[in-house]
Protein backbone atom coordinates (compact mmCIF):
# COMPACT_ATOMS: atom_id res chain seq x y z
CA UNK A 1 0.00 0.00 0.00
CA UNK A 2 1.39 3.40 -0.88
CA UNK A 3 1.94 6.11 1.70
CA UNK A 4 -1.06 8.17 0.60
CA UNK A 5 -3.46 5.26 1.12
CA UNK A 6 -1.78 4.40 4.39
CA UNK A 7 -2.25 8.00 5.52
CA UNK A 8 -5.97 7.82 4.70
CA UNK A 9 -6.33 4.71 6.87
CA UNK A 10 -4.40 6.19 9.80
CA UNK A 11 -6.30 9.48 9.56
CA UNK A 12 -9.52 7.51 9.86
CA UNK A 13 -8.09 5.54 12.77
CA UNK A 14 -7.18 8.78 14.56
CA UNK A 15 -10.68 10.20 14.04
CA UNK A 16 -12.34 7.07 15.39
CA UNK A 17 -9.86 6.19 18.17
CA UNK A 18 -11.94 7.86 20.93
CA UNK A 19 -14.81 5.49 20.08
CA UNK A 20 -12.81 2.25 19.76
CA UNK A 21 -12.69 -0.11 22.74
CA UNK A 22 -9.88 -2.39 21.56
CA UNK A 23 -7.47 0.32 20.47
CA UNK A 24 -4.26 -1.71 20.55
CA UNK A 25 -5.88 -4.69 18.83
CA UNK A 26 -7.31 -2.44 16.11
CA UNK A 27 -3.93 -0.76 15.61
CA UNK A 28 -2.27 -4.17 15.28
CA UNK A 29 -4.93 -5.30 12.80
CA UNK A 30 -4.48 -2.19 10.67
CA UNK A 31 -0.69 -2.57 10.68
CA UNK A 32 -1.06 -6.15 9.43
CA UNK A 33 -3.62 -5.22 6.77
CA UNK A 34 -1.60 -2.28 5.47
CA UNK A 35 1.30 -4.67 4.86
CA UNK A 36 -0.98 -7.26 3.27
CA UNK A 37 -3.14 -5.24 0.85
CA UNK A 38 -2.53 -2.74 -1.94
CA UNK A 39 -5.33 -0.19 -1.48
CA UNK A 40 -7.81 1.31 0.95
CA UNK A 41 -10.59 -0.46 -0.95
CA UNK A 42 -8.86 -3.75 -0.13
CA UNK A 43 -8.73 -2.75 3.54
CA UNK A 44 -12.48 -2.14 3.48
CA UNK A 45 -13.01 -5.65 2.13
CA UNK A 46 -10.62 -7.29 4.59
CA UNK A 47 -12.16 -5.47 7.55
CA UNK A 48 -15.64 -6.56 6.45
CA UNK A 49 -14.43 -10.16 6.21
CA UNK A 50 -12.76 -9.93 9.62
CA UNK A 51 -16.07 -8.95 11.22
CA UNK A 52 -17.17 -12.59 10.80
CA UNK A 53 -14.36 -13.93 12.98
CA UNK A 54 -14.15 -11.55 15.93
CA UNK A 55 -16.07 -10.93 19.13
CA UNK A 56 -18.92 -8.45 19.39
CA UNK A 57 -16.82 -5.61 20.80
CA UNK A 58 -14.18 -5.87 18.07
CA UNK A 59 -16.95 -6.18 15.48
CA UNK A 60 -18.33 -2.85 16.71
CA UNK A 61 -14.87 -1.28 16.60
CA UNK A 62 -14.37 -2.46 13.01
CA UNK A 63 -17.80 -1.12 12.04
CA UNK A 64 -16.91 2.30 13.50
CA UNK A 65 -13.72 2.42 11.43
CA UNK A 66 -15.45 1.11 8.30
CA UNK A 67 -18.13 3.77 8.57
CA UNK A 68 -15.49 6.49 8.76
CA UNK A 69 -13.55 5.11 5.79
CA UNK A 70 -16.74 4.78 3.75
CA UNK A 71 -17.73 8.33 4.67
CA UNK A 72 -14.36 9.44 3.35
CA UNK A 73 -15.22 7.78 0.03
CA UNK A 74 -18.55 9.56 -0.16
CA UNK A 75 -16.97 12.93 0.65
CA UNK A 76 -14.72 12.55 -2.36
CA UNK A 77 -11.47 11.66 -0.72
CA UNK A 78 -9.76 9.51 -3.29
CA UNK A 79 -9.35 5.91 -2.28
CA UNK A 80 -7.68 3.73 -4.86
């Protein structure tokens, strides 16, 4: 993933951090995904998939981040 896409993800993480319960787990997950995928769109897909394998609290945390990333898409921030 290029630095611009990575910045988009971390900006979203920073905006949502006050609402996330499992902050360190979410940060670790994002670090892993950023290394694994090539775009923010791929992160959206991977996070959606991950919701099927985590507990309820982490599922909520992922949904909070997903909503923010999707809102960024709708507001015209370019996500490749």
